[in-house]
Amino acid sequence: MTSRNPRDSRLRLVGPRPLAAAPRAVTRRRTARPAPRPPEGTPPPAELARMARTGLSDAARVARWADAALRPGRDGASSDGKGALSDATAERAAAELDLTTRQVRADWDTARLAGLIEVHGDSARPGWRLRAWSRDDSAVLRGWVALFDAWSLAHPEPADREPAAVAEVVSAMPQVLSFLQLSAGPVPVEQLLDLLQQRVTELRTERCEVPYGPRPEPVAEPAAVPDAPLAPLAPLLDWALRALASVGALTYGDGQATLTPLGSWAVWVKLEQICVAAQSPAGNIEQSAEDMLRGCAQLRPNAARAEYRAWLAARPVGSAVAELLAAARGEDALTRGLAFEALRVVGAPAEPDVSAVADEPWLRPYALLWLAEHDGHDPEDAHEVLTRAESTWLWVDTAAAVADHGDAPLLVRHLESAVQPTVPALLDEVRAVGHPRTVQVLVALAAAHPDPALAKAVRRAAFQVHTGGN
């Protein structure tokens, strides 16, 4: 890059950088802290995934049947509403799968809760987890955790209980599950009932539902004192334990409950998420996505990822992904790159939303690279999914991030990541791609480059883009 003749200036070809080169270039690497390890005795992820596949095999079977039999264009798709589980669909599935319609509906509901099937209005489509079911253990475990999170929907609640009481028990069960996880063995139901009562009392106290005025005298019969407050919650605890057992989180019988390996692992995962959310490294957990990303701009990569994890753990995945994509649509190229780095931390649940923005010009190169890496491409080779124009657009966008947030030497080194072999070829294609920041990027590059001849050529290109000339 020191030739006096820009016509002969060759760009040294180096391995293409992964997505969001600017934020990675602006920051420096540091040694990663070891990831938290699950409790001793927890099966490895592959074994946990095998357990989850076994527990969800019936639901996956119904989901695959629906994918094959009810996909638009197949026989019967119109009458079946393209996958909606109408009575006709349930009867057809029962006949073809040798099940009862009740079993089909139960497996269908489980598949929906686990994300194997996505229902939109009166139609259904296979979820991303079904596509990855056989090859991706993390997709299987995420599906099972989604079912675990929805345990209160998996088993009918007692019809004779007040909705408020049911809601209190659902809110109190995480503490009960934590106690089961710490106990690492069978726990008597009476002990869980006592703990549930204590937690419900705490919830009512937090809502200031403490009775005022003189309290009635204790009942004379000794046995009635401890049993009276516990009795109303006993049926609800029974319902909660049965529901959790139905999703495979615990075993329940003979007056005691025990977490399964999957249940114990899932509770540990939830506790770790709470700990991460409570230990936001840079204090951006309550900020909007855009402000959080700006706060991460000067962090090292590992610290930024820890911040993304903390921010994501405090929000529902869907709304967090939508907020990150909204931030990526802004004018700051560095924020755009960081938004997709945060979406990497989200992982597979972000796939539908990232796919949906792949047609937006500002986000398309980022989205295509994200999807390629998600599909298993090596990050160093993912750039091959981009066209020449898309690669050039991304080069300009990344250069804009470097110009705004980096330094002059870094901008000069950014030339090495261009796909064009010569500077004149790069300038021609940069002018043709029509990025709105082209002029600013070329002016900044011309000011930073130490080679006068090359800087002159870059300034000329900037002037031509500015005036619309050739």
Protein backbone atom coordinates (compact mmCIF):
# COMPACT_ATOMS: atom_id res chain seq x y z
CA MET A 1 0.00 0.00 0.00
CA THR A 2 2.96 2.36 -0.49
CA SER A 3 3.08 2.49 -4.30
CA ARG A 4 3.22 5.98 -5.82
CA ASN A 5 1.00 4.84 -8.66
CA PRO A 6 -2.55 4.14 -7.47
CA ARG A 7 -3.27 2.22 -10.67
CA ASP A 8 -0.87 -0.46 -9.50
CA SER A 9 -1.75 -0.34 -5.83
CA ARG A 10 -2.60 -3.82 -4.68
CA LEU A 11 -4.58 -4.56 -1.58
CA ARG A 12 -2.99 -7.24 0.54
CA LEU A 13 -5.58 -9.99 0.70
CA VAL A 14 -6.19 -11.22 4.23
CA GLY A 15 -8.77 -13.49 5.78
CA PRO A 16 -12.11 -11.65 5.81
CA ARG A 17 -13.23 -10.45 9.19
CA PRO A 18 -16.40 -11.70 10.84
CA LEU A 19 -19.50 -9.55 11.09
CA ALA A 20 -19.16 -6.16 12.75
CA ALA A 21 -15.45 -5.75 12.13
CA ALA A 22 -15.54 -2.20 13.40
CA PRO A 23 -16.53 -2.92 16.97
CA ARG A 24 -14.06 -5.78 17.13
CA ALA A 25 -11.33 -3.60 15.66
CA VAL A 26 -12.01 -0.62 17.92
CA THR A 27 -11.73 -2.78 21.00
CA ARG A 28 -8.96 -5.11 22.12
CA ARG A 29 -9.19 -8.69 23.18
CA ARG A 30 -8.75 -9.90 26.69
CA THR A 31 -8.70 -13.32 28.25
CA ALA A 32 -12.21 -14.74 28.55
CA ARG A 33 -13.45 -15.65 31.96
CA PRO A 34 -14.49 -19.29 32.25
CA ALA A 35 -18.20 -19.90 31.77
CA PRO A 36 -20.09 -20.97 34.88
CA ARG A 37 -20.28 -24.72 35.24
CA PRO A 38 -23.44 -26.60 36.24
CA PRO A 39 -23.57 -28.44 39.57
CA GLU A 40 -21.53 -31.59 39.95
CA GLY A 41 -23.37 -34.62 38.65
CA THR A 42 -25.22 -32.73 35.91
CA PRO A 43 -25.15 -34.82 32.70
CA PRO A 44 -23.28 -33.36 29.72
CA PRO A 45 -25.31 -31.32 27.18
CA ALA A 46 -25.47 -34.20 24.70
CA GLU A 47 -27.02 -36.47 27.33
CA LEU A 48 -29.45 -33.75 28.44
CA ALA A 49 -30.46 -33.24 24.81
CA ARG A 50 -31.04 -36.99 24.43
CA MET A 51 -33.35 -36.88 27.47
CA ALA A 52 -35.20 -33.88 26.04
CA ARG A 53 -35.62 -35.58 22.65
CA THR A 54 -37.02 -38.65 24.38
CA GLY A 55 -39.47 -36.60 26.45
CA LEU A 56 -40.62 -34.60 23.43
CA SER A 57 -40.57 -37.40 20.87
CA ASP A 58 -44.38 -37.62 20.64
CA ALA A 59 -44.69 -33.86 20.19
CA ALA A 60 -41.96 -33.88 17.55
CA ARG A 61 -43.72 -36.72 15.74
CA VAL A 62 -46.97 -34.75 15.51
CA ALA A 63 -45.07 -31.63 14.44
CA ARG A 64 -43.31 -33.52 11.65
CA TRP A 65 -46.61 -35.01 10.54
CA ALA A 66 -48.14 -31.53 10.37
CA ASP A 67 -45.13 -30.23 8.44
CA ALA A 68 -45.38 -33.02 5.87
CA ALA A 69 -49.14 -33.36 5.58
CA LEU A 70 -50.40 -29.80 5.99
CA ARG A 71 -47.77 -27.72 4.22
CA PRO A 72 -49.35 -25.38 1.64
CA GLY A 73 -49.64 -27.17 -1.69
CA ARG A 74 -50.08 -30.63 -0.20
CA ASP A 75 -53.33 -32.59 -0.50
CA GLY A 76 -55.85 -31.43 2.05
CA ALA A 77 -53.99 -28.24 2.94
CA SER A 78 -56.86 -25.95 2.00
CA SER A 79 -59.54 -27.77 3.94
CA ASP A 80 -57.25 -28.08 6.94
CA GLY A 81 -56.45 -24.39 7.03
CA LYS A 82 -52.75 -24.82 6.23
CA GLY A 83 -51.93 -26.48 9.52
CA ALA A 84 -54.50 -25.26 12.02
CA LEU A 85 -55.57 -28.12 14.27
CA SER A 86 -59.25 -28.25 13.39
CA ASP A 87 -61.39 -31.26 14.30
CA ALA A 88 -60.83 -32.66 10.82
CA THR A 89 -57.08 -32.24 11.16
CA ALA A 90 -57.01 -33.91 14.58
CA GLU A 91 -58.99 -36.88 13.29
CA ARG A 92 -56.78 -37.20 10.23
CA ALA A 93 -53.61 -37.08 12.34
CA ALA A 94 -55.01 -39.64 14.77
CA ALA A 95 -55.80 -42.03 11.94
CA GLU A 96 -52.42 -41.65 10.22
CA LEU A 97 -50.36 -41.77 13.43
CA ASP A 98 -52.42 -44.49 15.12
CA LEU A 99 -53.28 -42.23 18.07
CA THR A 100 -56.45 -40.97 19.68
CA THR A 101 -57.55 -37.42 18.91
CA ARG A 102 -56.97 -36.59 22.57
CA GLN A 103 -53.35 -37.72 22.30
CA VAL A 104 -52.90 -35.74 19.10
CA ARG A 105 -54.21 -32.56 20.71
CA ALA A 106 -52.05 -33.06 23.80
CA ASP A 107 -48.94 -33.62 21.68
CA TRP A 108 -49.86 -30.65 19.49
CA ASP A 109 -50.13 -28.39 22.54
CA THR A 110 -46.76 -29.65 23.80
CA ALA A 111 -45.20 -29.00 20.39
CA ARG A 112 -46.54 -25.45 20.46
CA LEU A 113 -45.19 -24.78 23.94
CA ALA A 114 -41.77 -26.19 22.95
CA GLY A 115 -41.60 -24.08 19.80
CA LEU A 116 -41.77 -27.03 17.41
CA ILE A 117 -44.90 -25.51 15.90
CA GLU A 118 -45.70 -21.81 15.56
CA VAL A 119 -49.37 -20.86 15.25
CA HIS A 120 -50.30 -17.56 13.62
CA GLY A 121 -54.02 -16.90 13.67
CA ASP A 122 -55.76 -19.83 12.01
CA SER A 123 -52.62 -21.28 10.43
CA ALA A 124 -49.54 -23.06 11.71
CA ARG A 125 -46.00 -23.56 10.47
CA PRO A 126 -43.00 -25.57 11.68
CA GLY A 127 -40.85 -23.78 14.22
CA TRP A 128 -37.11 -23.33 13.72
CA ARG A 129 -36.47 -25.88 16.46
CA LEU A 130 -38.16 -28.61 14.43
CA ARG A 131 -35.81 -27.90 11.52
CA ALA A 132 -32.80 -28.23 13.83
CA TRP A 133 -34.18 -31.04 15.99
CA SER A 134 -31.93 -33.84 14.78
CA ARG A 135 -28.66 -31.91 14.43
CA ASP A 136 -28.65 -29.16 17.07
CA ASP A 137 -28.58 -30.14 20.75
CA SER A 138 -28.88 -26.50 21.81
CA ALA A 139 -32.12 -26.15 19.82
CA VAL A 140 -33.53 -29.22 21.56
CA LEU A 141 -32.58 -27.93 25.01
CA ARG A 142 -33.99 -24.49 24.26
CA GLY A 143 -37.24 -26.14 23.22
CA TRP A 144 -37.40 -28.12 26.41
CA VAL A 145 -36.65 -25.04 28.53
CA ALA A 146 -39.46 -23.22 26.70
CA LEU A 147 -41.79 -26.04 27.70
CA PHE A 148 -40.44 -25.91 31.27
CA ASP A 149 -41.13 -22.16 31.40
CA ALA A 150 -44.72 -22.84 30.33
CA TRP A 151 -45.38 -25.60 32.88
CA SER A 152 -48.48 -23.83 34.24
CA LEU A 153 -50.10 -24.17 30.79
CA ALA A 154 -49.24 -27.83 30.37
CA HIS A 155 -51.73 -29.19 32.92
CA PRO A 156 -55.25 -27.88 33.65
CA GLU A 157 -55.39 -25.86 36.86
CA PRO A 158 -58.01 -26.65 39.51
CA ALA A 159 -61.32 -25.23 38.40
CA ASP A 160 -62.50 -24.42 41.93
CA ARG A 161 -59.58 -22.09 42.79
CA GLU A 162 -59.45 -18.34 42.50
CA PRO A 163 -57.27 -17.08 39.62
CA ALA A 164 -55.42 -14.83 42.07
CA ALA A 165 -54.45 -17.81 44.22
CA VAL A 166 -53.25 -19.71 41.16
CA ALA A 167 -51.16 -16.72 40.11
CA GLU A 168 -49.60 -16.54 43.57
CA VAL A 169 -48.57 -20.18 43.43
CA VAL A 170 -47.10 -19.75 39.93
CA SER A 171 -45.09 -16.75 41.20
CA ALA A 172 -43.93 -18.68 44.27
CA MET A 173 -42.87 -21.89 42.51
CA PRO A 174 -39.41 -20.68 41.40
CA GLN A 175 -38.37 -20.60 45.05
CA VAL A 176 -39.79 -24.08 45.58
CA LEU A 177 -37.90 -25.33 42.53
CA SER A 178 -34.69 -23.69 43.76
CA PHE A 179 -35.09 -25.50 47.07
CA LEU A 180 -35.58 -28.78 45.23
CA GLN A 181 -32.48 -28.10 43.16
CA LEU A 182 -30.36 -27.33 46.20
CA SER A 183 -31.67 -30.41 48.00
CA ALA A 184 -30.45 -32.66 45.16
CA GLY A 185 -32.80 -35.44 46.18
CA PRO A 186 -36.36 -36.28 47.28
CA VAL A 187 -38.13 -33.65 49.37
CA PRO A 188 -41.34 -34.37 51.35
CA VAL A 189 -44.39 -32.55 50.03
CA GLU A 190 -45.13 -31.26 53.55
CA GLN A 191 -41.83 -29.40 53.51
CA LEU A 192 -42.57 -27.94 50.09
CA LEU A 193 -46.01 -26.90 51.28
CA ASP A 194 -44.51 -25.03 54.21
CA LEU A 195 -42.06 -23.27 51.90
CA LEU A 196 -44.84 -22.40 49.46
CA GLN A 197 -46.91 -20.89 52.27
CA GLN A 198 -43.97 -18.77 53.39
CA ARG A 199 -43.35 -17.49 49.88
CA VAL A 200 -47.02 -16.68 49.25
CA THR A 201 -47.10 -14.80 52.54
CA GLU A 202 -44.04 -12.81 51.42
CA LEU A 203 -45.72 -11.97 48.12
CA ARG A 204 -48.82 -10.72 49.92
CA THR A 205 -46.67 -8.67 52.28
CA GLU A 206 -44.86 -7.10 49.34
CA ARG A 207 -48.26 -6.04 48.03
CA CYS A 208 -49.11 -4.64 51.48
CA GLU A 209 -51.87 -7.19 51.94
CA VAL A 210 -51.19 -7.41 55.67
CA PRO A 211 -54.35 -7.41 57.83
CA TYR A 212 -54.59 -4.45 60.17
CA GLY A 213 -56.34 -4.16 63.53
CA PRO A 214 -56.57 -6.68 66.38
CA ARG A 215 -55.90 -10.27 65.40
CA PRO A 216 -58.19 -13.08 66.55
CA GLU A 217 -57.04 -15.29 69.36
CA PRO A 218 -55.43 -18.58 68.33
CA VAL A 219 -57.76 -21.54 68.01
CA ALA A 220 -57.70 -23.76 71.08
CA GLU A 221 -57.10 -27.00 69.17
CA PRO A 222 -53.34 -27.34 68.68
CA ALA A 223 -53.58 -29.25 65.42
CA ALA A 224 -55.72 -26.58 63.76
CA VAL A 225 -53.16 -23.80 64.09
CA PRO A 226 -50.47 -25.05 61.68
CA ASP A 227 -52.89 -26.78 59.31
CA ALA A 228 -55.35 -23.93 58.73
CA PRO A 229 -53.15 -21.63 56.62
CA LEU A 230 -51.60 -24.50 54.69
CA ALA A 231 -54.73 -26.36 53.70
CA PRO A 232 -55.92 -23.95 50.93
CA LEU A 233 -52.57 -24.20 49.14
CA ALA A 234 -52.27 -27.99 49.23
CA PRO A 235 -54.44 -28.60 46.12
CA LEU A 236 -52.57 -25.90 44.21
CA LEU A 237 -49.19 -27.35 45.17
CA ASP A 238 -50.44 -30.76 44.02
CA TRP A 239 -51.48 -29.20 40.70
CA ALA A 240 -48.12 -27.44 40.29
CA LEU A 241 -46.11 -30.59 40.99
CA ARG A 242 -48.24 -32.64 38.61
CA ALA A 243 -47.83 -30.01 35.89
CA LEU A 244 -44.07 -29.93 36.36
CA ALA A 245 -44.00 -33.72 36.29
CA SER A 246 -45.98 -33.70 33.04
CA VAL A 247 -43.25 -31.70 31.30
CA GLY A 248 -40.51 -33.92 32.71
CA ALA A 249 -39.06 -31.47 35.24
CA LEU A 250 -39.59 -33.68 38.29
CA THR A 251 -40.97 -36.94 39.57
CA TYR A 252 -43.87 -36.80 42.00
CA GLY A 253 -45.28 -39.60 44.10
CA ASP A 254 -45.32 -41.28 47.51
CA GLY A 255 -45.56 -37.91 49.25
CA GLN A 256 -42.32 -36.51 47.84
CA ALA A 257 -40.92 -34.74 44.78
CA THR A 258 -37.51 -34.99 43.08
CA LEU A 259 -36.12 -32.94 40.22
CA THR A 260 -35.09 -34.88 37.15
CA PRO A 261 -31.63 -34.19 35.68
CA LEU A 262 -33.30 -31.99 33.06
CA GLY A 263 -35.30 -30.14 35.70
CA SER A 264 -32.25 -29.60 37.89
CA TRP A 265 -30.25 -28.29 34.93
CA ALA A 266 -33.07 -25.94 33.86
CA VAL A 267 -33.38 -24.48 37.36
CA TRP A 268 -29.62 -23.93 37.42
CA VAL A 269 -29.83 -22.16 34.04
CA LYS A 270 -32.55 -19.85 35.38
CA LEU A 271 -30.55 -19.06 38.51
CA GLU A 272 -27.50 -18.25 36.39
CA GLN A 273 -29.58 -15.90 34.25
CA ILE A 274 -30.73 -14.08 37.37
CA CYS A 275 -27.13 -13.81 38.58
CA VAL A 276 -25.98 -12.45 35.22
CA ALA A 277 -28.79 -9.91 35.19
CA ALA A 278 -27.90 -8.82 38.72
CA GLN A 279 -24.22 -8.39 37.83
CA SER A 280 -24.41 -6.17 34.77
CA PRO A 281 -20.74 -5.26 34.29
CA ALA A 282 -21.25 -1.73 32.97
CA GLY A 283 -24.62 -0.89 34.48
CA ASN A 284 -26.57 -0.73 31.21
CA ILE A 285 -29.16 -3.33 32.07
CA GLU A 286 -32.00 -0.81 32.42
CA GLN A 287 -31.09 1.18 29.31
CA SER A 288 -32.72 0.99 25.91
CA ALA A 289 -31.02 -1.21 23.33
CA GLU A 290 -29.45 1.77 21.56
CA ASP A 291 -28.10 3.29 24.77
CA MET A 292 -26.86 -0.10 25.96
CA LEU A 293 -25.01 -0.67 22.67
CA ARG A 294 -23.44 2.77 22.82
CA GLY A 295 -22.34 2.01 26.36
CA CYS A 296 -20.67 -1.15 25.06
CA ALA A 297 -18.83 0.61 22.23
CA GLN A 298 -15.64 1.08 24.26
CA LEU A 299 -15.76 -2.25 26.06
CA ARG A 300 -13.52 -5.15 25.17
CA PRO A 301 -15.30 -7.96 23.29
CA ASN A 302 -15.71 -10.28 26.29
CA ALA A 303 -16.95 -7.48 28.53
CA ALA A 304 -19.40 -6.40 25.84
CA ARG A 305 -20.76 -9.93 25.49
CA ALA A 306 -21.24 -10.13 29.25
CA GLU A 307 -23.18 -6.88 29.05
CA TYR A 308 -25.33 -8.21 26.21
CA ARG A 309 -26.10 -11.34 28.22
CA ALA A 310 -27.10 -9.29 31.27
CA TRP A 311 -29.29 -6.99 29.19
CA LEU A 312 -30.96 -9.92 27.40
CA ALA A 313 -31.55 -11.91 30.60
CA ALA A 314 -33.68 -9.08 31.97
CA ARG A 315 -36.06 -9.05 28.96
CA PRO A 316 -38.35 -11.35 26.99
CA VAL A 317 -36.45 -12.62 23.96
CA GLY A 318 -38.97 -11.36 21.40
CA SER A 319 -39.04 -7.77 22.57
CA ALA A 320 -35.26 -7.70 23.07
CA VAL A 321 -34.63 -8.87 19.49
CA ALA A 322 -37.09 -6.31 18.12
CA GLU A 323 -35.39 -3.53 20.09
CA LEU A 324 -31.93 -4.56 18.87
CA LEU A 325 -33.07 -4.58 15.25
CA ALA A 326 -34.66 -1.15 15.70
CA ALA A 327 -31.32 0.13 16.99
CA ALA A 328 -29.56 -1.45 14.01
CA ARG A 329 -31.72 0.62 11.64
CA GLY A 330 -30.27 3.86 12.97
CA GLU A 331 -27.56 5.97 11.34
CA ASP A 332 -24.67 4.89 13.57
CA ALA A 333 -22.84 2.07 11.78
CA LEU A 334 -21.03 0.98 14.93
CA THR A 335 -24.36 0.57 16.76
CA ARG A 336 -25.57 -1.50 13.82
CA GLY A 337 -22.59 -3.83 14.05
CA LEU A 338 -22.88 -4.12 17.82
CA ALA A 339 -26.60 -4.88 17.52
CA PHE A 340 -25.81 -7.96 15.42
CA GLU A 341 -23.09 -8.96 17.86
CA ALA A 342 -25.75 -8.88 20.59
CA LEU A 343 -28.05 -10.93 18.33
CA ARG A 344 -25.28 -13.54 18.17
CA VAL A 345 -25.61 -13.85 21.93
CA VAL A 346 -29.38 -14.35 21.51
CA GLY A 347 -28.68 -17.19 19.08
CA ALA A 348 -31.32 -19.30 17.36
CA PRO A 349 -34.45 -17.60 18.83
CA ALA A 350 -33.54 -14.51 16.80
CA GLU A 351 -33.50 -16.40 13.48
CA PRO A 352 -37.07 -15.57 12.30
CA ASP A 353 -36.63 -11.85 12.99
CA VAL A 354 -33.18 -11.70 11.39
CA SER A 355 -34.52 -13.55 8.34
CA ALA A 356 -37.35 -11.02 8.11
CA VAL A 357 -34.95 -8.06 7.83
CA ALA A 358 -32.71 -9.67 5.21
CA ASP A 359 -34.48 -7.66 2.49
CA GLU A 360 -33.77 -4.29 4.14
CA PRO A 361 -30.75 -2.76 2.33
CA TRP A 362 -29.16 -1.32 5.49
CA LEU A 363 -29.36 -4.61 7.34
CA ARG A 364 -29.11 -7.17 4.56
CA PRO A 365 -25.32 -7.88 4.66
CA TYR A 366 -25.35 -8.15 8.44
CA ALA A 367 -28.42 -10.39 8.39
CA LEU A 368 -27.03 -12.69 5.68
CA LEU A 369 -23.76 -13.15 7.56
CA TRP A 370 -25.63 -13.79 10.82
CA LEU A 371 -27.82 -16.41 9.13
CA ALA A 372 -24.84 -18.06 7.46
CA GLU A 373 -23.02 -18.41 10.77
CA HIS A 374 -26.21 -19.67 12.40
CA ASP A 375 -26.47 -22.34 9.68
CA GLY A 376 -23.00 -23.58 10.53
CA HIS A 377 -20.66 -21.63 8.24
CA ASP A 378 -17.29 -20.84 9.68
CA PRO A 379 -17.23 -17.11 10.57
CA GLU A 380 -14.11 -16.71 8.42
CA ASP A 381 -15.97 -18.10 5.37
CA ALA A 382 -19.44 -16.65 5.99
CA HIS A 383 -18.68 -13.66 3.71
CA GLU A 384 -19.03 -15.99 0.73
CA VAL A 385 -22.83 -15.71 0.99
CA LEU A 386 -22.61 -12.02 0.05
CA THR A 387 -22.58 -10.66 -3.47
CA ARG A 388 -19.74 -8.36 -4.49
CA ALA A 389 -22.02 -5.33 -4.08
CA GLU A 390 -23.19 -6.46 -0.64
CA SER A 391 -19.60 -6.98 0.48
CA THR A 392 -18.68 -3.51 -0.76
CA TRP A 393 -21.66 -1.95 1.00
CA LEU A 394 -20.64 -3.67 4.23
CA TRP A 395 -17.05 -2.47 3.75
CA VAL A 396 -18.26 1.14 3.51
CA ASP A 397 -20.58 0.74 6.49
CA THR A 398 -17.78 -0.73 8.60
CA ALA A 399 -15.43 2.02 7.43
CA ALA A 400 -18.02 4.56 8.58
CA ALA A 401 -18.00 2.95 12.02
CA VAL A 402 -14.21 3.08 12.11
CA ALA A 403 -14.15 6.70 10.94
CA ASP A 404 -16.66 7.72 13.62
CA HIS A 405 -15.28 5.71 16.53
CA GLY A 406 -11.77 4.52 15.64
CA ASP A 407 -8.54 6.20 14.64
CA ALA A 408 -6.66 6.98 11.42
CA PRO A 409 -4.30 3.96 11.40
CA LEU A 410 -7.25 1.65 11.96
CA LEU A 411 -9.08 3.17 8.99
CA VAL A 412 -6.01 2.68 6.80
CA ARG A 413 -5.75 -0.96 7.90
CA HIS A 414 -9.42 -1.40 7.06
CA LEU A 415 -8.39 -1.31 3.37
CA GLU A 416 -7.01 -4.80 3.84
CA SER A 417 -10.47 -6.26 4.38
CA ALA A 418 -11.80 -5.10 0.99
CA VAL A 419 -12.60 -7.82 -1.54
CA GLN A 420 -11.33 -5.75 -4.47
CA PRO A 421 -7.69 -6.47 -5.46
CA THR A 422 -6.76 -2.85 -6.28
CA VAL A 423 -7.56 0.57 -4.93
CA PRO A 424 -9.00 1.81 -8.28
CA ALA A 425 -11.33 -1.21 -8.40
CA LEU A 426 -12.39 -0.58 -4.83
CA LEU A 427 -13.10 3.09 -5.52
CA ASP A 428 -15.13 2.24 -8.63
CA GLU A 429 -17.29 -0.24 -6.76
CA VAL A 430 -17.64 1.97 -3.69
CA ARG A 431 -18.98 4.75 -5.89
CA ALA A 432 -21.38 2.34 -7.60
CA VAL A 433 -22.82 0.81 -4.44
CA GLY A 434 -24.45 4.07 -3.31
CA HIS A 435 -23.85 3.95 0.44
CA PRO A 436 -25.02 7.26 1.98
CA ARG A 437 -21.76 7.62 3.94
CA THR A 438 -19.49 7.08 0.93
CA VAL A 439 -18.24 10.68 0.69
CA GLN A 440 -17.44 10.95 4.41
CA VAL A 441 -15.65 7.60 4.40
CA LEU A 442 -13.50 8.47 1.37
CA VAL A 443 -12.62 11.91 2.74
CA ALA A 444 -11.60 10.39 6.07
CA LEU A 445 -9.56 7.69 4.32
CA ALA A 446 -7.79 10.26 2.14
CA ALA A 447 -6.92 12.34 5.17
CA ALA A 448 -5.58 9.31 7.03
CA HIS A 449 -3.56 7.54 4.35
CA PRO A 450 0.20 8.25 4.32
CA ASP A 451 0.62 7.64 0.58
CA PRO A 452 0.06 11.04 -1.16
CA ALA A 453 -0.75 9.53 -4.56
CA LEU A 454 -3.27 7.11 -3.14
CA ALA A 455 -4.79 9.81 -0.92
CA LYS A 456 -5.16 12.04 -3.98
CA ALA A 457 -7.00 9.31 -5.86
CA VAL A 458 -9.33 8.72 -2.93
CA ARG A 459 -10.06 12.48 -2.63
CA ARG A 460 -10.84 12.60 -6.34
CA ALA A 461 -13.28 9.70 -5.93
CA ALA A 462 -14.93 11.46 -2.99
CA PHE A 463 -15.35 14.61 -5.08
CA GLN A 464 -16.85 12.65 -7.96
CA VAL A 465 -19.38 10.97 -5.66
CA HIS A 466 -20.22 14.34 -4.11
CA THR A 467 -20.76 16.07 -7.46
CA GLY A 468 -22.22 13.06 -9.25
CA GLY A 469 -19.43 13.14 -11.80
CA ASN A 470 -17.30 10.39 -13.29
